[in-house]
Amino acid sequence: MFKQAFKSIGHAFDGIVDLIKQENNAKIHLISTILVIFVGIKLDFIALEWVWISLAIAGVWVMELINTALERLTDLVSPGENPLAKKIKDYAAGAVLVMAIWAVFIFALIAIPHLWVWLTFSS
């Protein structure tokens, strides 16, 4: 039972690593994730703020994984140009964009007040 669970986790980890290696947007998400965590540590986010930040980060990664899976599946079943295949890919990419915009909004909502305090009182 545990052997199968660890094997499944390994496959999932392989998918994430492959996503980062193969997709430029995933590389951007990785850099953004690291930057957000660094800023959060420097600005001393509280636990509840980390909850929101982690949900936003996870949401973007989940949407990027789903988007890439749908793109690959669409390419598999419709290798040529197809207007419906394009719509499927566009919708999935749109979902990533919506999530990324929400994540930026959450980050700004949390970070700007911290940054304001840091800039105001650091001198």
PDB file of N, CA and C in Angstrom:
ATOM      1  N   MET A   1       0.823  -1.197   0.000  1.00  0.00           N
ATOM      2  CA  MET A   1       0.000   0.000   0.000  1.00  0.00           C
ATOM      3  C   MET A   1       0.865   1.258   0.000  1.00  0.00           C
ATOM      4  N   PHE A   2       1.826   1.339   0.943  1.00  0.00           N
ATOM      5  CA  PHE A   2       2.689   2.513   1.006  1.00  0.00           C
ATOM      6  C   PHE A   2       3.598   2.604  -0.209  1.00  0.00           C
ATOM      7  N   LYS A   3       4.030   1.437  -0.700  1.00  0.00           N
ATOM      8  CA  LYS A   3       4.906   1.412  -1.873  1.00  0.00           C
ATOM      9  C   LYS A   3       4.202   2.053  -3.067  1.00  0.00           C
ATOM     10  N   GLN A   4       2.937   1.719  -3.269  1.00  0.00           N
ATOM     11  CA  GLN A   4       2.159   2.282  -4.369  1.00  0.00           C
ATOM     12  C   GLN A   4       1.939   3.787  -4.172  1.00  0.00           C
ATOM     13  N   ALA A   5       1.702   4.198  -2.934  1.00  0.00           N
ATOM     14  CA  ALA A   5       1.506   5.619  -2.648  1.00  0.00           C
ATOM     15  C   ALA A   5       2.768   6.411  -2.964  1.00  0.00           C
ATOM     16  N   PHE A   6       3.919   5.887  -2.544  1.00  0.00           N
ATOM     17  CA  PHE A   6       5.184   6.584  -2.827  1.00  0.00           C
ATOM     18  C   PHE A   6       5.474   6.610  -4.325  1.00  0.00           C
ATOM     19  N   LYS A   7       5.099   5.537  -5.013  1.00  0.00           N
ATOM     20  CA  LYS A   7       5.281   5.494  -6.462  1.00  0.00           C
ATOM     21  C   LYS A   7       4.418   6.569  -7.132  1.00  0.00           C
ATOM     22  N   SER A   8       3.181   6.711  -6.670  1.00  0.00           N
ATOM     23  CA  SER A   8       2.275   7.730  -7.219  1.00  0.00           C
ATOM     24  C   SER A   8       2.799   9.135  -6.951  1.00  0.00           C
ATOM     25  N   ILE A   9       3.313   9.345  -5.756  1.00  0.00           N
ATOM     26  CA  ILE A   9       3.891  10.650  -5.419  1.00  0.00           C
ATOM     27  C   ILE A   9       5.090  10.932  -6.313  1.00  0.00           C
ATOM     28  N   GLY A  10       5.879   9.905  -6.578  1.00  0.00           N
ATOM     29  CA  GLY A  10       7.029  10.058  -7.475  1.00  0.00           C
ATOM     30  C   GLY A  10       6.610  10.471  -8.871  1.00  0.00           C
ATOM     31  N   HIS A  11       5.531   9.869  -9.378  1.00  0.00           N
ATOM     32  CA  HIS A  11       5.020  10.240 -10.707  1.00  0.00           C
ATOM     33  C   HIS A  11       4.546  11.698 -10.713  1.00  0.00           C
ATOM     34  N   ALA A  12       3.873  12.082  -9.652  1.00  0.00           N
ATOM     35  CA  ALA A  12       3.397  13.461  -9.558  1.00  0.00           C
ATOM     36  C   ALA A  12       4.567  14.438  -9.523  1.00  0.00           C
ATOM     37  N   PHE A  13       5.582  14.102  -8.738  1.00  0.00           N
ATOM     38  CA  PHE A  13       6.778  14.944  -8.662  1.00  0.00           C
ATOM     39  C   PHE A  13       7.453  15.020 -10.029  1.00  0.00           C
ATOM     40  N   ASP A  14       7.523  13.891 -10.739  1.00  0.00           N
ATOM     41  CA  ASP A  14       8.099  13.881 -12.092  1.00  0.00           C
ATOM     42  C   ASP A  14       7.339  14.839 -13.007  1.00  0.00           C
ATOM     43  N   GLY A  15       6.018  14.872 -12.867  1.00  0.00           N
ATOM     44  CA  GLY A  15       5.210  15.773 -13.684  1.00  0.00           C
ATOM     45  C   GLY A  15       5.526  17.231 -13.409  1.00  0.00           C
ATOM     46  N   ILE A  16       5.703  17.574 -12.153  1.00  0.00           N
ATOM     47  CA  ILE A  16       6.025  18.957 -11.797  1.00  0.00           C
ATOM     48  C   ILE A  16       7.410  19.343 -12.319  1.00  0.00           C
ATOM     49  N   VAL A  17       8.381  18.448 -12.129  1.00  0.00           N
ATOM     50  CA  VAL A  17       9.743  18.718 -12.610  1.00  0.00           C
ATOM     51  C   VAL A  17       9.747  18.860 -14.129  1.00  0.00           C
ATOM     52  N   ASP A  18       9.036  17.968 -14.820  1.00  0.00           N
ATOM     53  CA  ASP A  18       8.965  18.047 -16.277  1.00  0.00           C
ATOM     54  C   ASP A  18       8.303  19.346 -16.725  1.00  0.00           C
ATOM     55  N   LEU A  19       7.259  19.749 -16.028  1.00  0.00           N
ATOM     56  CA  LEU A  19       6.585  21.008 -16.351  1.00  0.00           C
ATOM     57  C   LEU A  19       7.574  22.164 -16.291  1.00  0.00           C
ATOM     58  N   ILE A  20       8.365  22.215 -15.225  1.00  0.00           N
ATOM     59  CA  ILE A  20       9.328  23.302 -15.059  1.00  0.00           C
ATOM     60  C   ILE A  20      10.402  23.250 -16.151  1.00  0.00           C
ATOM     61  N   LYS A  21      10.836  22.048 -16.499  1.00  0.00           N
ATOM     62  CA  LYS A  21      11.859  21.908 -17.539  1.00  0.00           C
ATOM     63  C   LYS A  21      11.341  22.283 -18.926  1.00  0.00           C
ATOM     64  N   GLN A  22      10.085  21.953 -19.207  1.00  0.00           N
ATOM     65  CA  GLN A  22       9.558  22.072 -20.567  1.00  0.00           C
ATOM     66  C   GLN A  22       8.805  23.376 -20.857  1.00  0.00           C
ATOM     67  N   GLU A  23       8.235  23.988 -19.843  1.00  0.00           N
ATOM     68  CA  GLU A  23       7.346  25.126 -20.069  1.00  0.00           C
ATOM     69  C   GLU A  23       7.966  26.426 -19.566  1.00  0.00           C
ATOM     70  N   ASN A  24       8.099  27.403 -20.464  1.00  0.00           N
ATOM     71  CA  ASN A  24       8.656  28.698 -20.064  1.00  0.00           C
ATOM     72  C   ASN A  24       7.811  29.378 -18.997  1.00  0.00           C
ATOM     73  N   ASN A  25       6.481  29.271 -19.118  1.00  0.00           N
ATOM     74  CA  ASN A  25       5.621  29.901 -18.117  1.00  0.00           C
ATOM     75  C   ASN A  25       5.834  29.296 -16.733  1.00  0.00           C
ATOM     76  N   ALA A  26       6.120  28.003 -16.675  1.00  0.00           N
ATOM     77  CA  ALA A  26       6.382  27.361 -15.383  1.00  0.00           C
ATOM     78  C   ALA A  26       7.672  27.912 -14.773  1.00  0.00           C
ATOM     79  N   LYS A  27       8.641  28.202 -15.609  1.00  0.00           N
ATOM     80  CA  LYS A  27       9.883  28.819 -15.108  1.00  0.00           C
ATOM     81  C   LYS A  27       9.582  30.199 -14.519  1.00  0.00           C
ATOM     82  N   ILE A  28       8.703  30.955 -15.177  1.00  0.00           N
ATOM     83  CA  ILE A  28       8.291  32.265 -14.664  1.00  0.00           C
ATOM     84  C   ILE A  28       7.553  32.092 -13.335  1.00  0.00           C
ATOM     85  N   HIS A  29       6.672  31.086 -13.261  1.00  0.00           N
ATOM     86  CA  HIS A  29       5.956  30.816 -12.008  1.00  0.00           C
ATOM     87  C   HIS A  29       6.931  30.439 -10.897  1.00  0.00           C
ATOM     88  N   LEU A  30       7.952  29.662 -11.220  1.00  0.00           N
ATOM     89  CA  LEU A  30       8.934  29.263 -10.216  1.00  0.00           C
ATOM     90  C   LEU A  30       9.697  30.470  -9.688  1.00  0.00           C
ATOM     91  N   ILE A  31      10.159  31.322 -10.583  1.00  0.00           N
ATOM     92  CA  ILE A  31      10.872  32.543 -10.161  1.00  0.00           C
ATOM     93  C   ILE A  31       9.944  33.426  -9.331  1.00  0.00           C
ATOM     94  N   SER A  32       8.697  33.571  -9.772  1.00  0.00           N
ATOM     95  CA  SER A  32       7.729  34.380  -9.025  1.00  0.00           C
ATOM     96  C   SER A  32       7.467  33.795  -7.649  1.00  0.00           C
ATOM     97  N   THR A  33       7.333  32.481  -7.570  1.00  0.00           N
ATOM     98  CA  THR A  33       7.105  31.814  -6.287  1.00  0.00           C
ATOM     99  C   THR A  33       8.255  32.086  -5.324  1.00  0.00           C
ATOM    100  N   ILE A  34       9.471  31.924  -5.814  1.00  0.00           N
ATOM    101  CA  ILE A  34      10.654  32.171  -4.974  1.00  0.00           C
ATOM    102  C   ILE A  34      10.697  33.627  -4.534  1.00  0.00           C
ATOM    103  N   LEU A  35      10.418  34.544  -5.449  1.00  0.00           N
ATOM    104  CA  LEU A  35      10.427  35.971  -5.123  1.00  0.00           C
ATOM    105  C   LEU A  35       9.364  36.318  -4.088  1.00  0.00           C
ATOM    106  N   VAL A  36       8.170  35.789  -4.244  1.00  0.00           N
ATOM    107  CA  VAL A  36       7.083  36.052  -3.300  1.00  0.00           C
ATOM    108  C   VAL A  36       7.441  35.522  -1.914  1.00  0.00           C
ATOM    109  N   ILE A  37       7.994  34.330  -1.857  1.00  0.00           N
ATOM    110  CA  ILE A  37       8.399  33.767  -0.561  1.00  0.00           C
ATOM    111  C   ILE A  37       9.495  34.615   0.068  1.00  0.00           C
ATOM    112  N   PHE A  38      10.465  35.037  -0.723  1.00  0.00           N
ATOM    113  CA  PHE A  38      11.546  35.889  -0.214  1.00  0.00           C
ATOM    114  C   PHE A  38      10.991  37.201   0.345  1.00  0.00           C
ATOM    115  N   VAL A  39      10.115  37.842  -0.419  1.00  0.00           N
ATOM    116  CA  VAL A  39       9.514  39.112   0.028  1.00  0.00           C
ATOM    117  C   VAL A  39       8.689  38.878   1.292  1.00  0.00           C
ATOM    118  N   GLY A  40       7.928  37.804   1.325  1.00  0.00           N
ATOM    119  CA  GLY A  40       7.109  37.497   2.500  1.00  0.00           C
ATOM    120  C   GLY A  40       7.944  37.304   3.751  1.00  0.00           C
ATOM    121  N   ILE A  41       9.081  36.651   3.597  1.00  0.00           N
ATOM    122  CA  ILE A  41       9.978  36.463   4.744  1.00  0.00           C
ATOM    123  C   ILE A  41      10.568  37.799   5.171  1.00  0.00           C
ATOM    124  N   LYS A  42      11.015  38.580   4.202  1.00  0.00           N
ATOM    125  CA  LYS A  42      11.620  39.889   4.522  1.00  0.00           C
ATOM    126  C   LYS A  42      10.615  40.844   5.167  1.00  0.00           C
ATOM    127  N   LEU A  43       9.373  40.806   4.713  1.00  0.00           N
ATOM    128  CA  LEU A  43       8.349  41.708   5.249  1.00  0.00           C
ATOM    129  C   LEU A  43       7.613  41.102   6.436  1.00  0.00           C
ATOM    130  N   ASP A  44       8.004  39.889   6.826  1.00  0.00           N
ATOM    131  CA  ASP A  44       7.488  39.243   8.029  1.00  0.00           C
ATOM    132  C   ASP A  44       5.969  39.048   7.982  1.00  0.00           C
ATOM    133  N   PHE A  45       5.504  38.395   6.923  1.00  0.00           N
ATOM    134  CA  PHE A  45       4.084  38.076   6.825  1.00  0.00           C
ATOM    135  C   PHE A  45       3.674  37.227   8.015  1.00  0.00           C
ATOM    136  N   ILE A  46       2.447  37.432   8.469  1.00  0.00           N
ATOM    137  CA  ILE A  46       1.917  36.624   9.572  1.00  0.00           C
ATOM    138  C   ILE A  46       1.297  35.338   8.997  1.00  0.00           C
ATOM    139  N   ALA A  47       0.934  34.418   9.869  1.00  0.00           N
ATOM    140  CA  ALA A  47       0.455  33.096   9.453  1.00  0.00           C
ATOM    141  C   ALA A  47      -0.748  33.184   8.512  1.00  0.00           C
ATOM    142  N   LEU A  48      -1.734  34.000   8.841  1.00  0.00           N
ATOM    143  CA  LEU A  48      -2.918  34.102   7.994  1.00  0.00           C
ATOM    144  C   LEU A  48      -2.563  34.643   6.607  1.00  0.00           C
ATOM    145  N   GLU A  49      -1.628  35.563   6.554  1.00  0.00           N
ATOM    146  CA  GLU A  49      -1.186  36.085   5.256  1.00  0.00           C
ATOM    147  C   GLU A  49      -0.499  34.983   4.446  1.00  0.00           C
ATOM    148  N   TRP A  50       0.285  34.141   5.121  1.00  0.00           N
ATOM    149  CA  TRP A  50       0.928  33.010   4.438  1.00  0.00           C
ATOM    150  C   TRP A  50      -0.100  32.023   3.913  1.00  0.00           C
ATOM    151  N   VAL A  51      -1.203  31.872   4.625  1.00  0.00           N
ATOM    152  CA  VAL A  51      -2.264  30.986   4.139  1.00  0.00           C
ATOM    153  C   VAL A  51      -2.767  31.486   2.786  1.00  0.00           C
ATOM    154  N   TRP A  52      -3.079  32.771   2.705  1.00  0.00           N
ATOM    155  CA  TRP A  52      -3.585  33.347   1.458  1.00  0.00           C
ATOM    156  C   TRP A  52      -2.538  33.297   0.360  1.00  0.00           C
ATOM    157  N   ILE A  53      -1.306  33.629   0.690  1.00  0.00           N
ATOM    158  CA  ILE A  53      -0.222  33.591  -0.293  1.00  0.00           C
ATOM    159  C   ILE A  53      -0.022  32.163  -0.800  1.00  0.00           C
ATOM    160  N   SER A  54      -0.001  31.192   0.116  1.00  0.00           N
ATOM    161  CA  SER A  54       0.212  29.802  -0.300  1.00  0.00           C
ATOM    162  C   SER A  54      -0.945  29.301  -1.163  1.00  0.00           C
ATOM    163  N   LEU A  55      -2.168  29.700  -0.852  1.00  0.00           N
ATOM    164  CA  LEU A  55      -3.314  29.323  -1.694  1.00  0.00           C
ATOM    165  C   LEU A  55      -3.195  29.925  -3.091  1.00  0.00           C
ATOM    166  N   ALA A  56      -2.756  31.165  -3.158  1.00  0.00           N
ATOM    167  CA  ALA A  56      -2.586  31.821  -4.459  1.00  0.00           C
ATOM    168  C   ALA A  56      -1.482  31.139  -5.264  1.00  0.00           C
ATOM    169  N   ILE A  57      -0.361  30.851  -4.623  1.00  0.00           N
ATOM    170  CA  ILE A  57       0.747  30.169  -5.303  1.00  0.00           C
ATOM    171  C   ILE A  57       0.297  28.791  -5.777  1.00  0.00           C
ATOM    172  N   ALA A  58      -0.322  28.030  -4.900  1.00  0.00           N
ATOM    173  CA  ALA A  58      -0.781  26.689  -5.270  1.00  0.00           C
ATOM    174  C   ALA A  58      -1.794  26.758  -6.405  1.00  0.00           C
ATOM    175  N   GLY A  59      -2.683  27.739  -6.347  1.00  0.00           N
ATOM    176  CA  GLY A  59      -3.688  27.885  -7.399  1.00  0.00           C
ATOM    177  C   GLY A  59      -3.071  28.110  -8.764  1.00  0.00           C
ATOM    178  N   VAL A  60      -2.063  28.956  -8.819  1.00  0.00           N
ATOM    179  CA  VAL A  60      -1.389  29.212 -10.093  1.00  0.00           C
ATOM    180  C   VAL A  60      -0.709  27.944 -10.604  1.00  0.00           C
ATOM    181  N   TRP A  61      -0.008  27.231  -9.711  1.00  0.00           N
ATOM    182  CA  TRP A  61       0.675  25.996 -10.124  1.00  0.00           C
ATOM    183  C   TRP A  61      -0.319  24.928 -10.582  1.00  0.00           C
ATOM    184  N   VAL A  62      -1.425  24.785  -9.861  1.00  0.00           N
ATOM    185  CA  VAL A  62      -2.429  23.795 -10.251  1.00  0.00           C
ATOM    186  C   VAL A  62      -2.999  24.144 -11.621  1.00  0.00           C
ATOM    187  N   MET A  63      -3.318  25.406 -11.838  1.00  0.00           N
ATOM    188  CA  MET A  63      -3.873  25.805 -13.132  1.00  0.00           C
ATOM    189  C   MET A  63      -2.859  25.614 -14.249  1.00  0.00           C
ATOM    190  N   GLU A  64      -1.591  25.884 -13.982  1.00  0.00           N
ATOM    191  CA  GLU A  64      -0.563  25.683 -15.010  1.00  0.00           C
ATOM    192  C   GLU A  64      -0.411  24.200 -15.346  1.00  0.00           C
ATOM    193  N   LEU A  65      -0.462  23.347 -14.329  1.00  0.00           N
ATOM    194  CA  LEU A  65      -0.398  21.902 -14.575  1.00  0.00           C
ATOM    195  C   LEU A  65      -1.603  21.426 -15.390  1.00  0.00           C
ATOM    196  N   ILE A  66      -2.790  21.877 -15.033  1.00  0.00           N
ATOM    197  CA  ILE A  66      -4.000  21.499 -15.773  1.00  0.00           C
ATOM    198  C   ILE A  66      -3.950  22.036 -17.193  1.00  0.00           C
ATOM    199  N   ASN A  67      -3.525  23.283 -17.343  1.00  0.00           N
ATOM    200  CA  ASN A  67      -3.414  23.893 -18.667  1.00  0.00           C
ATOM    201  C   ASN A  67      -2.470  23.089 -19.559  1.00  0.00           C
ATOM    202  N   THR A  68      -1.314  22.751 -19.026  1.00  0.00           N
ATOM    203  CA  THR A  68      -0.336  22.005 -19.821  1.00  0.00           C
ATOM    204  C   THR A  68      -0.863  20.612 -20.160  1.00  0.00           C
ATOM    205  N   ALA A  69      -1.529  19.970 -19.207  1.00  0.00           N
ATOM    206  CA  ALA A  69      -2.108  18.648 -19.483  1.00  0.00           C
ATOM    207  C   ALA A  69      -3.154  18.742 -20.595  1.00  0.00           C
ATOM    208  N   LEU A  70      -4.006  19.761 -20.539  1.00  0.00           N
ATOM    209  CA  LEU A  70      -5.018  19.930 -21.586  1.00  0.00           C
ATOM    210  C   LEU A  70      -4.383  20.247 -22.934  1.00  0.00           C
ATOM    211  N   GLU A  71      -3.321  21.053 -22.923  1.00  0.00           N
ATOM    212  CA  GLU A  71      -2.625  21.347 -24.182  1.00  0.00           C
ATOM    213  C   GLU A  71      -2.042  20.077 -24.791  1.00  0.00           C
ATOM    214  N   ARG A  72      -1.391  19.266 -23.972  1.00  0.00           N
ATOM    215  CA  ARG A  72      -0.779  18.025 -24.468  1.00  0.00           C
ATOM    216  C   ARG A  72      -1.854  17.049 -24.975  1.00  0.00           C
ATOM    217  N   LEU A  73      -2.943  16.939 -24.224  1.00  0.00           N
ATOM    218  CA  LEU A  73      -4.027  16.053 -24.634  1.00  0.00           C
ATOM    219  C   LEU A  73      -4.661  16.538 -25.935  1.00  0.00           C
ATOM    220  N   THR A  74      -4.851  17.836 -26.054  1.00  0.00           N
ATOM    221  CA  THR A  74      -5.421  18.407 -27.275  1.00  0.00           C
ATOM    222  C   THR A  74      -4.505  18.143 -28.461  1.00  0.00           C
ATOM    223  N   ASP A  75      -3.192  18.316 -28.264  1.00  0.00           N
ATOM    224  CA  ASP A  75      -2.235  18.026 -29.337  1.00  0.00           C
ATOM    225  C   ASP A  75      -2.275  16.554 -29.733  1.00  0.00           C
ATOM    226  N   LEU A  76      -2.489  15.680 -28.750  1.00  0.00           N
ATOM    227  CA  LEU A  76      -2.535  14.242 -29.016  1.00  0.00           C
ATOM    228  C   LEU A  76      -3.756  13.864 -29.858  1.00  0.00           C
ATOM    229  N   VAL A  77      -4.909  14.399 -29.490  1.00  0.00           N
ATOM    230  CA  VAL A  77      -6.140  14.008 -30.196  1.00  0.00           C
ATOM    231  C   VAL A  77      -6.409  14.850 -31.441  1.00  0.00           C
ATOM    232  N   SER A  78      -5.762  16.001 -31.529  1.00  0.00           N
ATOM    233  CA  SER A  78      -5.965  16.872 -32.691  1.00  0.00           C
ATOM    234  C   SER A  78      -4.629  17.489 -33.095  1.00  0.00           C
ATOM    235  N   PRO A  79      -3.754  16.701 -33.739  1.00  0.00           N
ATOM    236  CA  PRO A  79      -2.405  17.183 -34.042  1.00  0.00           C
ATOM    237  C   PRO A  79      -2.367  18.313 -35.071  1.00  0.00           C
ATOM    238  N   GLY A  80      -3.330  18.388 -35.937  1.00  0.00           N
ATOM    239  CA  GLY A  80      -3.361  19.460 -36.935  1.00  0.00           C
ATOM    240  C   GLY A  80      -4.044  20.696 -36.379  1.00  0.00           C
ATOM    241  N   GLU A  81      -4.072  21.732 -37.218  1.00  0.00           N
ATOM    242  CA  GLU A  81      -4.779  22.944 -36.802  1.00  0.00           C
ATOM    243  C   GLU A  81      -6.274  22.675 -36.798  1.00  0.00           C
ATOM    244  N   ASN A  82      -6.908  23.120 -35.718  1.00  0.00           N
ATOM    245  CA  ASN A  82      -8.334  22.892 -35.553  1.00  0.00           C
ATOM    246  C   ASN A  82      -8.879  24.040 -34.707  1.00  0.00           C
ATOM    247  N   PRO A  83      -9.903  24.737 -35.177  1.00  0.00           N
ATOM    248  CA  PRO A  83     -10.442  25.876 -34.422  1.00  0.00           C
ATOM    249  C   PRO A  83     -10.930  25.498 -33.016  1.00  0.00           C
ATOM    250  N   LEU A  84     -11.519  24.317 -32.884  1.00  0.00           N
ATOM    251  CA  LEU A  84     -12.000  23.882 -31.574  1.00  0.00           C
ATOM    252  C   LEU A  84     -10.820  23.591 -30.633  1.00  0.00           C
ATOM    253  N   ALA A  85      -9.770  22.980 -31.161  1.00  0.00           N
ATOM    254  CA  ALA A  85      -8.573  22.706 -30.364  1.00  0.00           C
ATOM    255  C   ALA A  85      -7.968  24.020 -29.874  1.00  0.00           C
ATOM    256  N   LYS A  86      -7.958  25.029 -30.742  1.00  0.00           N
ATOM    257  CA  LYS A  86      -7.435  26.344 -30.344  1.00  0.00           C
ATOM    258  C   LYS A  86      -8.259  26.937 -29.208  1.00  0.00           C
ATOM    259  N   LYS A  87      -9.580  26.818 -29.302  1.00  0.00           N
ATOM    260  CA  LYS A  87     -10.448  27.335 -28.238  1.00  0.00           C
ATOM    261  C   LYS A  87     -10.170  26.626 -26.913  1.00  0.00           C
ATOM    262  N   ILE A  88     -10.008  25.307 -26.958  1.00  0.00           N
ATOM    263  CA  ILE A  88      -9.721  24.547 -25.734  1.00  0.00           C
ATOM    264  C   ILE A  88      -8.437  25.065 -25.093  1.00  0.00           C
ATOM    265  N   LYS A  89      -7.404  25.239 -25.896  1.00  0.00           N
ATOM    266  CA  LYS A  89      -6.132  25.734 -25.379  1.00  0.00           C
ATOM    267  C   LYS A  89      -6.269  27.166 -24.851  1.00  0.00           C
ATOM    268  N   ASP A  90      -7.002  27.989 -25.567  1.00  0.00           N
ATOM    269  CA  ASP A  90      -7.203  29.378 -25.131  1.00  0.00           C
ATOM    270  C   ASP A  90      -7.962  29.449 -23.813  1.00  0.00           C
ATOM    271  N   TYR A  91      -8.990  28.614 -23.663  1.00  0.00           N
ATOM    272  CA  TYR A  91      -9.754  28.601 -22.414  1.00  0.00           C
ATOM    273  C   TYR A  91      -8.867  28.182 -21.241  1.00  0.00           C
ATOM    274  N   ALA A  92      -8.077  27.137 -21.454  1.00  0.00           N
ATOM    275  CA  ALA A  92      -7.196  26.661 -20.389  1.00  0.00           C
ATOM    276  C   ALA A  92      -6.148  27.722 -20.037  1.00  0.00           C
ATOM    277  N   ALA A  93      -5.595  28.378 -21.039  1.00  0.00           N
ATOM    278  CA  ALA A  93      -4.626  29.450 -20.783  1.00  0.00           C
ATOM    279  C   ALA A  93      -5.299  30.614 -20.069  1.00  0.00           C
ATOM    280  N   GLY A  94      -6.548  30.890 -20.429  1.00  0.00           N
ATOM    281  CA  GLY A  94      -7.299  31.945 -19.757  1.00  0.00           C
ATOM    282  C   GLY A  94      -7.494  31.650 -18.281  1.00  0.00           C
ATOM    283  N   ALA A  95      -7.706  30.380 -17.946  1.00  0.00           N
ATOM    284  CA  ALA A  95      -7.862  29.989 -16.543  1.00  0.00           C
ATOM    285  C   ALA A  95      -6.580  30.276 -15.764  1.00  0.00           C
ATOM    286  N   VAL A  96      -5.434  29.996 -16.376  1.00  0.00           N
ATOM    287  CA  VAL A  96      -4.153  30.310 -15.727  1.00  0.00           C
ATOM    288  C   VAL A  96      -4.029  31.817 -15.529  1.00  0.00           C
ATOM    289  N   LEU A  97      -4.387  32.574 -16.557  1.00  0.00           N
ATOM    290  CA  LEU A  97      -4.288  34.033 -16.465  1.00  0.00           C
ATOM    291  C   LEU A  97      -5.172  34.588 -15.354  1.00  0.00           C
ATOM    292  N   VAL A  98      -6.407  34.113 -15.266  1.00  0.00           N
ATOM    293  CA  VAL A  98      -7.310  34.572 -14.201  1.00  0.00           C
ATOM    294  C   VAL A  98      -6.713  34.272 -12.830  1.00  0.00           C
ATOM    295  N   MET A  99      -6.191  33.067 -12.664  1.00  0.00           N
ATOM    296  CA  MET A  99      -5.593  32.684 -11.379  1.00  0.00           C
ATOM    297  C   MET A  99      -4.356  33.518 -11.079  1.00  0.00           C
ATOM    298  N   ALA A 100      -3.539  33.765 -12.091  1.00  0.00           N
ATOM    299  CA  ALA A 100      -2.324  34.559 -11.887  1.00  0.00           C
ATOM    300  C   ALA A 100      -2.661  36.000 -11.511  1.00  0.00           C
ATOM    301  N   ILE A 101      -3.668  36.561 -12.151  1.00  0.00           N
ATOM    302  CA  ILE A 101      -4.092  37.928 -11.806  1.00  0.00           C
ATOM    303  C   ILE A 101      -4.590  37.963 -10.366  1.00  0.00           C
ATOM    304  N   TRP A 102      -5.373  36.952  -9.975  1.00  0.00           N
ATOM    305  CA  TRP A 102      -5.861  36.893  -8.600  1.00  0.00           C
ATOM    306  C   TRP A 102      -4.696  36.771  -7.629  1.00  0.00           C
ATOM    307  N   ALA A 103      -3.705  35.961  -7.973  1.00  0.00           N
ATOM    308  CA  ALA A 103      -2.538  35.782  -7.103  1.00  0.00           C
ATOM    309  C   ALA A 103      -1.769  37.086  -6.940  1.00  0.00           C
ATOM    310  N   VAL A 104      -1.607  37.826  -8.018  1.00  0.00           N
ATOM    311  CA  VAL A 104      -0.920  39.129  -7.938  1.00  0.00           C
ATOM    312  C   VAL A 104      -1.722  40.075  -7.053  1.00  0.00           C
ATOM    313  N   PHE A 105      -3.041  40.066  -7.201  1.00  0.00           N
ATOM    314  CA  PHE A 105      -3.905  40.905  -6.376  1.00  0.00           C
ATOM    315  C   PHE A 105      -3.747  40.566  -4.895  1.00  0.00           C
ATOM    316  N   ILE A 106      -3.771  39.276  -4.573  1.00  0.00           N
ATOM    317  CA  ILE A 106      -3.608  38.845  -3.182  1.00  0.00           C
ATOM    318  C   ILE A 106      -2.255  39.267  -2.644  1.00  0.00           C
ATOM    319  N   PHE A 107      -1.215  39.054  -3.439  1.00  0.00           N
ATOM    320  CA  PHE A 107       0.128  39.447  -3.007  1.00  0.00           C
ATOM    321  C   PHE A 107       0.197  40.950  -2.748  1.00  0.00           C
ATOM    322  N   ALA A 108      -0.343  41.738  -3.667  1.00  0.00           N
ATOM    323  CA  ALA A 108      -0.320  43.194  -3.501  1.00  0.00           C
ATOM    324  C   ALA A 108      -1.121  43.612  -2.270  1.00  0.00           C
ATOM    325  N   LEU A 109      -2.282  43.017  -2.075  1.00  0.00           N
ATOM    326  CA  LEU A 109      -3.131  43.325  -0.931  1.00  0.00           C
ATOM    327  C   LEU A 109      -2.400  43.077   0.386  1.00  0.00           C
ATOM    328  N   ILE A 110      -1.587  42.049   0.413  1.00  0.00           N
ATOM    329  CA  ILE A 110      -0.851  41.703   1.633  1.00  0.00           C
ATOM    330  C   ILE A 110       0.455  42.464   1.731  1.00  0.00           C
ATOM    331  N   ALA A 111       1.199  42.557   0.642  1.00  0.00           N
ATOM    332  CA  ALA A 111       2.557  43.108   0.691  1.00  0.00           C
ATOM    333  C   ALA A 111       2.603  44.634   0.775  1.00  0.00           C
ATOM    334  N   ILE A 112       1.689  45.319   0.123  1.00  0.00           N
ATOM    335  CA  ILE A 112       1.767  46.785   0.081  1.00  0.00           C
ATOM    336  C   ILE A 112       1.694  47.412   1.472  1.00  0.00           C
ATOM    337  N   PRO A 113       0.766  47.005   2.334  1.00  0.00           N
ATOM    338  CA  PRO A 113       0.786  47.597   3.684  1.00  0.00           C
ATOM    339  C   PRO A 113       2.090  47.299   4.438  1.00  0.00           C
ATOM    340  N   HIS A 114       2.616  46.093   4.309  1.00  0.00           N
ATOM    341  CA  HIS A 114       3.894  45.761   4.949  1.00  0.00           C
ATOM    342  C   HIS A 114       5.017  46.619   4.387  1.00  0.00           C
ATOM    343  N   LEU A 115       5.017  46.765   3.081  1.00  0.00           N
ATOM    344  CA  LEU A 115       6.049  47.576   2.430  1.00  0.00           C
ATOM    345  C   LEU A 115       5.945  49.023   2.869  1.00  0.00           C
ATOM    346  N   TRP A 116       4.744  49.532   2.984  1.00  0.00           N
ATOM    347  CA  TRP A 116       4.516  50.907   3.428  1.00  0.00           C
ATOM    348  C   TRP A 116       5.095  51.121   4.840  1.00  0.00           C
ATOM    349  N   VAL A 117       4.791  50.212   5.737  1.00  0.00           N
ATOM    350  CA  VAL A 117       5.315  50.292   7.105  1.00  0.00           C
ATOM    351  C   VAL A 117       6.829  50.199   7.106  1.00  0.00           C
ATOM    352  N   TRP A 118       7.369  49.284   6.325  1.00  0.00           N
ATOM    353  CA  TRP A 118       8.821  49.095   6.254  1.00  0.00           C
ATOM    354  C   TRP A 118       9.501  50.358   5.731  1.00  0.00           C
ATOM    355  N   LEU A 119       8.937  50.954   4.678  1.00  0.00           N
ATOM    356  CA  LEU A 119       9.527  52.172   4.104  1.00  0.00           C
ATOM    357  C   LEU A 119       9.371  53.365   5.041  1.00  0.00           C
ATOM    358  N   THR A 120       8.254  53.429   5.733  1.00  0.00           N
ATOM    359  CA  THR A 120       7.974  54.557   6.614  1.00  0.00           C
ATOM    360  C   THR A 120       8.835  54.533   7.879  1.00  0.00           C
ATOM    361  N   PHE A 121       9.000  53.371   8.448  1.00  0.00           N
ATOM    362  CA  PHE A 121       9.657  53.264   9.756  1.00  0.00           C
ATOM    363  C   PHE A 121      11.067  52.718   9.714  1.00  0.00           C
ATOM    364  N   SER A 122      11.595  52.408   8.544  1.00  0.00           N
ATOM    365  CA  SER A 122      12.923  51.831   8.494  1.00  0.00           C
ATOM    366  C   SER A 122      14.021  52.883   8.616  1.00  0.00           C
ATOM    367  N   SER A 123      13.707  54.109   8.392  1.00  0.00           N
ATOM    368  CA  SER A 123      14.741  55.165   8.458  1.00  0.00           C
ATOM    369  C   SER A 123      14.951  55.690   9.841  1.00  0.00           C
TER     370      SER A 123
END
